[in-house]
Amino acid sequence: MSDDEGEGSTTAVQPADGTWEEYMDKDVMVRTLLPGEGPMAEFGSVVHCSLRCHTVKPETTDILELVESGTGYSFKVGEGDCVPGLELALRHSRRGGRLLVRCTSKYAYGP
């Protein structure tokens, strides 16, 4: 995730082709929809973002429920201010990027 609006993050080398980056044995998947610019967020950096969090059916990725949505969110990277999957994505984000993050319940809101 990053400074403008987005739903996730990316790695040091942001794939321009929209491929998924895999983290934590595929428990966290990140896709760059619009690459950001500048340095990656570091521990202690404050990132600002818009987000939409959904629960989905794992087999089909059909949306089951909107969990959270809004603009003007701020998170300090490394402080645990958000769910772990989003925090991991934020650690690899760049200003202005738009990203999609998918994570299992282990890295989101559930057990």
Protein backbone atom coordinates (compact mmCIF):
# COMPACT_ATOMS: atom_id res chain seq x y z
CA MET A 1 0.00 0.00 0.00
CA SER A 2 1.22 3.49 -0.30
CA ASP A 3 0.53 7.18 -0.12
CA ASP A 4 -2.32 7.70 -2.56
CA GLU A 5 -4.88 5.00 -2.74
CA GLY A 6 -4.45 1.32 -2.95
CA GLU A 7 -5.18 -2.05 -1.56
CA GLY A 8 -1.77 -3.47 -0.93
CA SER A 9 1.91 -3.25 -1.82
CA THR A 10 4.86 -4.55 -3.78
CA THR A 11 8.50 -5.62 -3.58
CA ALA A 12 11.75 -3.78 -4.20
CA VAL A 13 11.46 -4.57 -7.90
CA GLN A 14 7.88 -3.70 -8.77
CA PRO A 15 6.63 -5.95 -11.56
CA ALA A 16 5.04 -3.81 -14.26
CA ASP A 17 3.18 -6.76 -15.75
CA GLY A 18 0.78 -7.15 -12.80
CA THR A 19 2.18 -10.46 -11.59
CA TRP A 20 1.67 -11.53 -7.98
CA GLU A 21 4.55 -11.30 -5.52
CA GLU A 22 4.43 -14.06 -2.91
CA TYR A 23 5.31 -13.71 0.77
CA MET A 24 5.08 -16.06 3.75
CA ASP A 25 4.60 -19.24 1.68
CA LYS A 26 1.85 -17.60 -0.42
CA ASP A 27 -0.14 -16.56 2.68
CA VAL A 28 0.35 -12.96 1.55
CA MET A 29 0.09 -12.13 -2.16
CA VAL A 30 0.74 -8.63 -3.51
CA ARG A 31 0.00 -7.30 -6.99
CA THR A 32 1.06 -3.88 -8.28
CA LEU A 33 -1.82 -2.15 -10.07
CA LEU A 34 0.02 1.17 -10.43
CA PRO A 35 3.72 1.40 -9.55
CA GLY A 36 4.71 4.02 -7.00
CA GLU A 37 7.77 6.25 -7.06
CA GLY A 38 10.60 7.02 -4.69
CA PRO A 39 12.11 4.94 -1.93
CA MET A 40 10.35 2.02 -0.31
CA ALA A 41 8.73 2.57 3.06
CA GLU A 42 11.13 1.81 5.91
CA PHE A 43 10.51 0.75 9.50
CA GLY A 44 9.20 3.80 11.30
CA SER A 45 7.85 5.42 8.13
CA VAL A 46 4.28 6.66 8.28
CA VAL A 47 2.28 5.64 5.22
CA HIS A 48 -1.08 7.11 4.26
CA CYS A 49 -3.57 5.11 2.24
CA SER A 50 -7.10 4.30 1.27
CA LEU A 51 -8.22 0.72 1.64
CA ARG A 52 -11.01 -1.79 1.20
CA CYS A 53 -10.88 -5.04 3.15
CA HIS A 54 -13.10 -7.95 2.14
CA THR A 55 -13.55 -11.51 3.23
CA VAL A 56 -13.64 -13.89 0.28
CA LYS A 57 -14.35 -17.53 -0.50
CA PRO A 58 -10.89 -19.10 -0.83
CA GLU A 59 -11.91 -21.45 -3.64
CA THR A 60 -13.46 -18.79 -5.86
CA THR A 61 -12.30 -15.43 -4.43
CA ASP A 62 -15.94 -14.30 -4.51
CA ILE A 63 -16.45 -11.42 -2.06
CA LEU A 64 -18.46 -12.45 0.98
CA GLU A 65 -18.38 -9.34 3.13
CA LEU A 66 -16.91 -5.84 3.20
CA VAL A 67 -14.98 -5.66 6.47
CA GLU A 68 -13.52 -2.17 6.32
CA SER A 69 -13.34 0.65 3.80
CA GLY A 70 -12.23 4.24 3.79
CA THR A 71 -9.66 6.91 3.09
CA GLY A 72 -7.21 8.77 5.25
CA TYR A 73 -5.70 5.77 7.03
CA SER A 74 -2.20 6.21 8.44
CA PHE A 75 0.05 3.41 9.63
CA LYS A 76 3.55 3.48 11.08
CA VAL A 77 5.49 0.64 9.48
CA GLY A 78 6.75 -1.82 12.07
CA GLU A 79 4.36 -0.78 14.83
CA GLY A 80 1.68 -3.44 14.23
CA ASP A 81 -0.95 -0.74 13.62
CA CYS A 82 -2.75 -2.88 11.03
CA VAL A 83 -3.25 -6.53 10.15
CA PRO A 84 0.05 -8.38 9.51
CA GLY A 85 -0.57 -9.03 5.79
CA LEU A 86 -1.19 -5.35 5.12
CA GLU A 87 1.82 -4.36 7.21
CA LEU A 88 4.04 -6.70 5.20
CA ALA A 89 2.73 -5.15 1.99
CA LEU A 90 3.26 -1.63 3.37
CA ARG A 91 6.89 -2.48 4.11
CA HIS A 92 7.38 -2.95 0.36
CA SER A 93 5.31 0.01 -0.81
CA ARG A 94 6.27 3.22 -2.59
CA ARG A 95 4.58 6.61 -2.59
CA GLY A 96 1.70 6.87 -5.06
CA GLY A 97 1.43 3.15 -5.75
CA ARG A 98 -1.83 1.31 -6.07
CA LEU A 99 -1.67 -2.28 -4.90
CA LEU A 100 -3.83 -5.30 -4.28
CA VAL A 101 -3.08 -7.50 -1.27
CA ARG A 102 -4.56 -10.92 -0.65
CA CYS A 103 -3.79 -12.73 2.57
CA THR A 104 -5.05 -15.73 4.45
CA SER A 105 -6.92 -15.26 7.70
CA LYS A 106 -3.68 -16.05 9.52
CA TYR A 107 -2.33 -12.69 8.30
CA ALA A 108 -5.65 -10.81 8.41
CA TYR A 109 -8.56 -10.75 10.84
CA GLY A 110 -8.86 -14.41 11.78
CA PRO A 111 -7.14 -17.48 13.13
